Protein backbone atom coordinates (compact mmCIF):
# COMPACT_ATOMS: atom_id res chain seq x y z
CA MET A 1 198.80 193.80 140.11
CA ILE A 2 198.73 196.35 142.91
CA TYR A 3 196.47 195.46 145.80
CA LYS A 4 195.03 198.66 147.26
CA LEU A 5 192.06 199.50 149.40
CA SER A 6 190.12 202.29 147.76
CA LYS A 7 188.28 204.94 149.77
CA GLN A 8 185.01 204.30 147.91
CA GLY A 9 185.29 200.60 148.70
CA MET A 10 185.08 201.24 152.46
CA LEU A 11 182.12 201.52 154.83
CA HIS A 12 182.52 204.72 156.82
CA LYS A 13 179.22 205.81 158.29
CA ASN A 14 177.77 204.33 161.46
CA LYS A 15 174.41 204.00 159.66
CA ASN A 16 176.00 201.71 157.04
CA PHE A 17 177.62 199.57 159.73
CA GLN A 18 174.32 199.26 161.64
CA THR A 19 172.46 198.23 158.47
CA VAL A 20 174.94 195.43 157.80
CA TYR A 21 174.89 194.32 161.46
CA LYS A 22 171.07 194.22 161.60
CA SER A 23 170.15 192.93 158.15
CA GLY A 24 173.26 190.97 157.18
CA LYS A 25 174.10 187.34 157.79
CA SER A 26 176.99 186.54 160.12
CA TYR A 27 179.62 183.83 159.91
CA ALA A 28 182.14 183.27 162.67
CA ASN A 29 185.17 181.25 163.68
CA ARG A 30 187.71 181.64 166.48
CA MET A 31 189.42 184.75 165.10
CA VAL A 32 186.97 186.62 162.92
CA VAL A 33 183.27 187.38 162.57
CA LEU A 34 182.16 188.17 159.02
CA TYR A 35 178.91 190.03 158.34
CA VAL A 36 177.64 189.87 154.76
CA LEU A 37 174.81 191.88 153.20
CA PRO A 38 174.06 191.95 149.46
CA ASN A 39 173.70 195.49 148.10
CA CYS A 40 171.96 196.81 145.00
CA ASP A 41 175.11 198.50 143.70
CA ASN A 42 177.62 196.39 141.85
CA VAL A 43 180.42 197.31 144.25
CA ARG A 44 181.93 195.57 147.23
CA ARG A 45 182.34 197.68 150.36
CA VAL A 46 184.08 196.61 153.54
CA GLY A 47 184.40 197.82 157.11
CA PHE A 48 186.66 196.68 159.94
CA ALA A 49 185.91 196.61 163.66
CA ALA A 50 187.49 195.54 166.93
CA GLY A 51 185.51 195.92 170.14
CA LYS A 52 186.77 197.40 173.38
CA LYS A 53 186.74 193.96 175.01
CA LEU A 54 189.88 193.12 173.03
CA GLY A 55 191.99 195.61 174.93
CA GLY A 56 193.47 199.06 174.54
CA ALA A 57 193.79 201.11 171.37
CA VAL A 58 197.13 199.58 170.42
CA VAL A 59 195.72 196.05 170.51
CA ARG A 60 192.51 196.99 168.67
CA ASN A 61 194.43 198.84 165.95
CA ARG A 62 196.74 195.85 165.45
CA VAL A 63 193.76 193.51 165.05
CA LYS A 64 192.17 195.90 162.51
CA ARG A 65 195.48 196.12 160.61
CA LEU A 66 195.60 192.31 160.40
CA LEU A 67 192.01 192.22 159.13
CA ARG A 68 192.67 194.96 156.57
CA GLU A 69 195.77 193.20 155.28
CA SER A 70 193.93 189.87 154.98
CA TYR A 71 191.16 191.55 153.02
CA ARG A 72 193.54 193.62 150.88
CA LEU A 73 195.47 190.57 149.68
CA ASN A 74 192.34 188.53 148.90
CA GLN A 75 189.83 191.15 147.73
CA PHE A 76 190.02 190.10 144.08
CA GLN A 77 188.89 186.57 144.96
CA LEU A 78 185.55 187.90 146.25
CA ILE A 79 182.32 188.61 144.38
CA ASP A 80 181.04 192.17 143.90
CA GLY A 81 177.72 193.51 145.12
CA VAL A 82 178.13 192.84 148.85
CA ASP A 83 178.81 194.86 151.97
CA LEU A 84 181.17 193.16 154.42
CA ILE A 85 182.20 193.85 157.99
CA LEU A 86 185.14 192.03 159.53
CA VAL A 87 185.19 191.98 163.32
CA GLY A 88 188.24 190.78 165.22
CA ARG A 89 187.90 188.35 168.12
CA GLN A 90 190.06 187.54 171.14
CA ALA A 91 192.05 184.82 169.33
CA ALA A 92 193.18 187.36 166.69
CA ILE A 93 195.21 189.30 169.28
CA LYS A 94 198.02 186.75 169.46
CA ALA A 95 197.63 185.46 165.88
CA ASP A 96 199.90 186.24 162.94
CA ARG A 97 198.78 187.48 159.53
CA MET A 98 198.73 184.04 157.93
CA ALA A 99 196.38 182.63 160.58
CA VAL A 100 193.99 185.59 160.27
CA THR A 101 194.06 185.31 156.47
CA LYS A 102 193.28 181.61 156.67
CA SER A 103 190.32 182.33 158.98
CA PHE A 104 189.07 185.06 156.64
CA ILE A 105 189.23 182.80 153.56
CA HIS A 106 187.46 180.03 155.50
CA LEU A 107 184.58 182.39 156.36
CA CYS A 108 184.35 183.72 152.80
CA ASN A 109 184.06 180.14 151.58
CA LYS A 110 181.36 179.45 154.18
CA ALA A 111 179.47 182.60 153.13
CA LYS A 112 179.79 181.65 149.44
CA ILE A 113 181.25 185.02 148.47
CA LEU A 114 184.39 183.64 146.80
CA ALA A 115 184.36 184.12 143.04
CA LYS A 116 184.50 180.97 141.00
């Protein structure tokens, strides 16, 4: 099975991000904050963010790449019908992919969005 991130499965517009931030429920650990908002469509959409407090563009882009890779490899374990935003935290800067993936799975379990 090929694990790809599709364009239609991504949150792009600022309005969509703000809706998830305001109306969604958040779950956090040391490395990642996960915002979850059920949607009326039967699709799962995801967005990735890293704030300016993390550092320069190189650092922020690395954190977002780690988050994207963690999601990409585990997207088929998640339920459909939700909008997700993954936000990187300070601890994710020095972390490797396995640690970020473990944090992501932990938060998905906490949010009860893992498929049975």
